[in-house]
Amino acid sequence: MDFVKRYLVPRLIQYVTVMLIGVTVVFLIPRISPTDPVNEAIGRMTARGQTMDPEVIEQMIETMKELYGLTGSNWQQYWQFWGRLFRADFGASFSQFPAPVGALIRQAMPWTIGLLLTSTLLSWVLGTIIGGLSGFFSDKRWGRAVEVVFMAVRPIPYYIMALAMVIIFAYLIPVFPLAGGFSIGTRPSFSIRFVLDVLYHGLLPALSLVIVGMGAWFLQMRSLSTTIVGEDYVTFAESAGLPRGKIIFSYTIRNAMLPQITGLALSLGMIFGGALITEQVFSYPGIGSLLYTAIVMSDYNLIMGVTIFSIFAIATAVLVIDLIYPLFDPRVRYQ
């Protein structure tokens, strides 16, 4: 009961507060923006040379305002916005009209999750382990050499790494395809052939994300483990003659990785926003490409749908990590 009162309830209140603030900000930004989504849509039609009767234009404006949820006062729009949100109804996409926003997100989400979830977990595991070993053996030559390599890789933006991968392994040495999530003409299915084709197309963008991501996790883990190596309990364990492997993994890496777990939760939440530029570089059919199209086409419904989904994912990931954190850190349980 004390756990529920002192630990669970405050975090649930924080979770609800973050969701309320986040959704409210998403609601307000399009309405204080200098651009009008309805006028943008009408302007694109007239720019293509389409001539329409003024009455038809007025009817289209009213219909678009209803689809965008812009009818009524701001308070009425706000409550209507929440009502649509609880029904998971983000309206129709204007860049891909009349497809519903929810359907477009569901189509793109498996691609983004498959690419970013795999690359995030892989970079986290490799960066954490290698960083912990390098921190423990910081006096060794190989530990310093690995640090230099990752310090050189870390500042490189992931989209620059993606461009380099495309130039080297898809153009100069054509080992991987230039773009796409699967081969042209292939019909999506659950067959082994299609799965291998998807993995083949996703390997290069995933590799660009893993290399850069490893740099960040490595440097953070190395800094933490280097500090922990000098703690009294590690020194005592070494003087007691405990096995080197137990000291490294149970005493050093286990204690140093606690901040890494929090960082992983945030990273897992943010994958639902997509790796926008990487997906554009590789023409990968994920959330990032979907969001880019929505921004270019001023598709406010689609932008709000992706943004709200990302807010929900990040807040939920942080809540889950907060709830299971006592399993990793006994000090939280004792408090």
Foldseek 3Di string as FASTA:
>chain_A
DCCCVPFVVVLVVVLVVLLVVLLVVLLVVQVPDPDDLLVLLVVVCVVVVDDDDPVVSVVSSVVVCVQQLNPDDSVNSVVVSVVCVVVVFLGAWPLDPPHTLSVLQVVFAVLLCVQQVVLLVLLLVLLLVLLLVLLLVVVDPVSVVVLVVLVVLQVDDLLVLLVVLLCVDCPVNNPADQAEQFDPPDDDDPDPVGVVRNCRLSVSLSVSSSSNSSSVSNVQNSVQLNVQCPDPVLVVCVVVPDDPVCSSVVRRSLVSCLVVLLVSLQSQLQSLCPPQSSCVRRVYRHNNVVCVSCVVSVRSSNVSSSSSSSSSSSSVSNSVCSVCSCVSPVVVVVD
